[in-house]
Amino acid sequence: MKILRLGQATPLCPLTYQQISNQFTTELYKLFLGFAWYTGERPEAILQIDVNHVYANIGRRQPRDKMLYPAANRKDRKSRQVDIHRVLKLMLAAYQPPESGFLFPSLYRADRHLSRQAVDKAFRRAVKKAGLEKQGYSLYSPRRGFITHLSRQGYDIKIIQKLTGHASLSSLIRYIDVSDEQLKSAIENF
């Protein structure tokens, strides 16, 4: 758990995702959180995504079946195609995207994307309004939650690795949170 912004982010679960999402005042930030939760991608890659990588038809707000995180936007410099979750598709269909450029444009400069600081500030406000402050949530919480949730659902670690784009299992495993209840259950059911 993060303490004073140090350590690993506390992973979101479906309930905390919804609690935080409900506190955002704009659809822009709610959509950002949806991308983080339903794709498990890093915040920086999400912020740099182009509308054409998400929408088949921007004017009609028609999302693609698969979206693209281009290599240039990702930490590992490898492109990643992701199936768009049905809930994220609904969010994209309701969202009014820009006609071109970044899906999350800067509020001040047309040639830039929304800053990580702006998203972080909005996220922290939403966490506070949800009554979840000082529990270690950060912009990496959705990514850790995505991975942990898949693990708890019983998906094979190789499937999770393929979904997240992690190059190694050792780096992926650090994202999986293990609860005290899981540890207790493992011992009791041995």
Protein backbone atom coordinates (compact mmCIF):
# COMPACT_ATOMS: atom_id res chain seq x y z
CA MET A 1 0.00 0.00 0.00
CA LYS A 2 1.14 3.52 -0.72
CA ILE A 3 1.94 5.62 2.32
CA LEU A 4 2.77 9.29 1.74
CA ARG A 5 2.95 8.55 -2.00
CA LEU A 6 5.58 5.83 -1.51
CA GLY A 7 5.13 2.13 -2.22
CA GLN A 8 2.76 0.31 -4.52
CA ALA A 9 -0.67 1.66 -5.31
CA THR A 10 -3.63 -0.05 -3.69
CA PRO A 11 -5.48 -1.92 -6.45
CA LEU A 12 -9.02 -0.90 -7.29
CA CYS A 13 -11.77 -3.49 -7.11
CA PRO A 14 -15.05 -3.21 -9.02
CA LEU A 15 -16.69 -1.42 -6.06
CA THR A 16 -13.93 1.16 -5.52
CA TYR A 17 -13.72 1.75 -9.27
CA GLN A 18 -17.43 2.62 -9.30
CA GLN A 19 -17.22 4.74 -6.13
CA ILE A 20 -14.39 6.85 -7.56
CA SER A 21 -15.89 7.04 -11.06
CA ASN A 22 -19.17 8.35 -9.64
CA GLN A 23 -17.34 11.31 -8.07
CA PHE A 24 -15.89 12.76 -11.28
CA THR A 25 -17.62 15.93 -12.39
CA THR A 26 -16.68 15.61 -16.07
CA GLU A 27 -17.07 12.77 -18.54
CA LEU A 28 -13.46 13.31 -19.68
CA TYR A 29 -12.00 12.11 -16.38
CA LYS A 30 -14.61 9.38 -15.99
CA LEU A 31 -13.64 8.08 -19.45
CA PHE A 32 -9.95 8.19 -18.55
CA LEU A 33 -10.63 6.06 -15.47
CA GLY A 34 -12.72 3.71 -17.61
CA PHE A 35 -9.78 3.25 -19.99
CA ALA A 36 -7.43 2.57 -17.08
CA TRP A 37 -9.84 0.07 -15.49
CA TYR A 38 -11.04 -1.78 -18.60
CA THR A 39 -7.72 -1.93 -20.51
CA GLY A 40 -5.18 -2.10 -17.67
CA GLU A 41 -2.90 0.33 -19.51
CA ARG A 42 -0.48 2.82 -17.98
CA PRO A 43 -1.76 6.40 -17.52
CA GLU A 44 0.80 7.92 -19.91
CA ALA A 45 -0.22 5.65 -22.80
CA ILE A 46 -3.90 6.39 -22.22
CA LEU A 47 -3.33 10.15 -22.28
CA GLN A 48 -1.49 9.94 -25.62
CA ILE A 49 -4.11 7.88 -27.45
CA ASP A 50 -5.47 9.30 -30.70
CA VAL A 51 -9.21 9.33 -31.46
CA ASN A 52 -8.57 7.30 -34.63
CA HIS A 53 -7.09 4.49 -32.53
CA VAL A 54 -10.40 4.16 -30.67
CA TYR A 55 -13.20 5.18 -33.03
CA ALA A 56 -14.11 3.54 -36.35
CA ASN A 57 -16.31 6.56 -37.09
CA ILE A 58 -15.68 9.62 -34.93
CA GLY A 59 -18.67 11.64 -36.15
CA ARG A 60 -21.09 8.84 -35.29
CA ARG A 61 -19.24 8.05 -32.05
CA GLN A 62 -18.80 4.48 -33.21
CA PRO A 63 -16.01 2.73 -31.25
CA ARG A 64 -13.81 0.08 -32.84
CA ASP A 65 -13.97 -3.52 -31.63
CA LYS A 66 -10.24 -3.35 -30.90
CA MET A 67 -8.29 -0.26 -29.99
CA LEU A 68 -4.62 0.43 -30.50
CA TYR A 69 -2.00 1.64 -28.07
CA PRO A 70 0.84 2.49 -30.50
CA ALA A 71 4.44 1.55 -29.68
CA ALA A 72 5.45 5.21 -29.43
CA ASN A 73 3.00 5.74 -26.54
CA ARG A 74 3.99 2.69 -24.49
CA LYS A 75 6.81 2.19 -22.02
CA ASP A 76 7.97 -1.06 -23.66
CA ARG A 77 7.78 0.50 -27.16
CA LYS A 78 5.55 -2.33 -28.41
CA SER A 79 2.14 -1.73 -29.94
CA ARG A 80 -0.76 -3.30 -28.11
CA GLN A 81 -4.22 -4.06 -29.48
CA VAL A 82 -6.95 -4.37 -26.89
CA ASP A 83 -10.52 -5.61 -27.24
CA ILE A 84 -12.82 -2.82 -26.10
CA HIS A 85 -14.97 -3.94 -23.15
CA ARG A 86 -18.73 -3.52 -23.69
CA VAL A 87 -18.99 -0.95 -20.85
CA LEU A 88 -16.10 1.07 -22.28
CA LYS A 89 -17.83 0.96 -25.69
CA LEU A 90 -20.95 2.48 -24.12
CA MET A 91 -18.84 5.18 -22.49
CA LEU A 92 -17.16 5.96 -25.83
CA ALA A 93 -20.52 6.08 -27.63
CA ALA A 94 -21.80 8.62 -25.09
CA TYR A 95 -18.60 10.72 -25.09
CA GLN A 96 -18.22 13.69 -27.46
CA PRO A 97 -14.72 13.12 -28.84
CA PRO A 98 -12.63 15.74 -30.59
CA GLU A 99 -12.75 15.52 -34.39
CA SER A 100 -9.07 14.64 -34.55
CA GLY A 101 -5.96 14.42 -32.42
CA PHE A 102 -5.79 13.23 -28.85
CA LEU A 103 -8.81 11.54 -27.29
CA PHE A 104 -7.93 13.41 -24.08
CA PRO A 105 -6.92 16.86 -25.35
CA SER A 106 -5.33 19.51 -23.20
CA LEU A 107 -7.76 22.10 -21.91
CA TYR A 108 -5.26 24.83 -22.83
CA ARG A 109 -3.30 23.75 -25.94
CA ALA A 110 -4.89 22.08 -28.95
CA ASP A 111 -1.65 20.34 -29.95
CA ARG A 112 -1.15 18.65 -26.56
CA HIS A 113 -2.89 15.97 -24.58
CA LEU A 114 -4.30 16.38 -21.08
CA SER A 115 -1.48 16.40 -18.56
CA ARG A 116 -0.89 13.60 -16.10
CA GLN A 117 -0.96 16.23 -13.33
CA ALA A 118 -4.47 17.35 -14.32
CA VAL A 119 -5.75 13.77 -14.31
CA ASP A 120 -3.97 13.02 -11.03
CA LYS A 121 -5.50 16.09 -9.39
CA ALA A 122 -9.01 15.14 -10.58
CA PHE A 123 -8.44 11.54 -9.46
CA ARG A 124 -7.33 12.61 -5.97
CA ARG A 125 -10.40 14.87 -5.64
CA ALA A 126 -12.69 11.99 -6.65
CA VAL A 127 -10.97 9.61 -4.21
CA LYS A 128 -11.43 12.15 -1.42
CA LYS A 129 -15.10 12.75 -2.30
CA ALA A 130 -15.64 8.97 -2.29
CA GLY A 131 -14.26 8.84 1.26
CA LEU A 132 -11.31 6.67 0.19
CA GLU A 133 -8.42 9.02 0.88
CA LYS A 134 -5.31 7.78 2.71
CA GLN A 135 -5.92 4.24 1.47
CA GLY A 136 -3.09 4.29 -1.07
CA TYR A 137 -4.99 4.86 -4.32
CA SER A 138 -3.14 6.42 -7.26
CA LEU A 139 -3.39 6.53 -11.05
CA TYR A 140 -1.77 3.08 -11.07
CA SER A 141 -4.56 1.63 -8.91
CA PRO A 142 -6.76 0.79 -11.93
CA ARG A 143 -3.87 -1.07 -13.61
CA ARG A 144 -3.10 -3.03 -10.45
CA GLY A 145 -6.84 -3.62 -9.99
CA PHE A 146 -7.24 -4.88 -13.57
CA ILE A 147 -4.42 -7.37 -13.11
CA THR A 148 -5.41 -8.43 -9.59
CA HIS A 149 -9.07 -8.84 -10.59
CA LEU A 150 -8.15 -11.10 -13.53
CA SER A 151 -5.88 -13.14 -11.26
CA ARG A 152 -8.62 -13.57 -8.64
CA GLN A 153 -11.05 -14.60 -11.39
CA GLY A 154 -8.69 -17.50 -12.08
CA TYR A 155 -7.23 -16.42 -15.41
CA ASP A 156 -3.88 -17.96 -16.27
CA ILE A 157 -0.90 -15.68 -15.69
CA LYS A 158 0.11 -16.00 -19.39
CA ILE A 159 -3.30 -14.68 -20.46
CA ILE A 160 -2.94 -11.74 -18.10
CA GLN A 161 0.56 -11.11 -19.43
CA LYS A 162 -0.75 -11.07 -23.00
CA LEU A 163 -3.55 -8.66 -22.03
CA THR A 164 -1.25 -6.22 -20.21
CA GLY A 165 1.74 -6.41 -22.53
CA HIS A 166 4.26 -7.14 -19.76
CA ALA A 167 7.53 -8.44 -21.20
CA SER A 168 8.28 -10.65 -18.21
CA LEU A 169 6.24 -12.56 -15.68
CA SER A 170 8.40 -11.20 -12.85
CA SER A 171 7.36 -7.63 -13.63
CA LEU A 172 3.71 -8.67 -14.00
CA ILE A 173 3.60 -10.54 -10.69
CA ARG A 174 4.45 -7.36 -8.77
CA TYR A 175 1.05 -5.98 -9.82
CA ILE A 176 -0.97 -8.86 -8.34
CA ASP A 177 -2.25 -8.13 -4.86
CA VAL A 178 -2.80 -11.04 -2.48
CA SER A 179 -5.28 -10.52 0.34
CA ASP A 180 -5.05 -11.89 3.88
CA GLU A 181 -8.22 -13.86 3.17
CA GLN A 182 -6.57 -15.56 0.18
CA LEU A 183 -3.55 -16.50 2.28
CA LYS A 184 -5.75 -17.89 5.03
CA SER A 185 -7.86 -19.83 2.53
CA ALA A 186 -4.75 -21.33 0.91
CA ILE A 187 -3.55 -22.67 4.27
CA GLU A 188 -7.01 -23.92 5.29
CA ASN A 189 -7.58 -25.70 1.98
CA PHE A 190 -4.12 -27.27 1.73
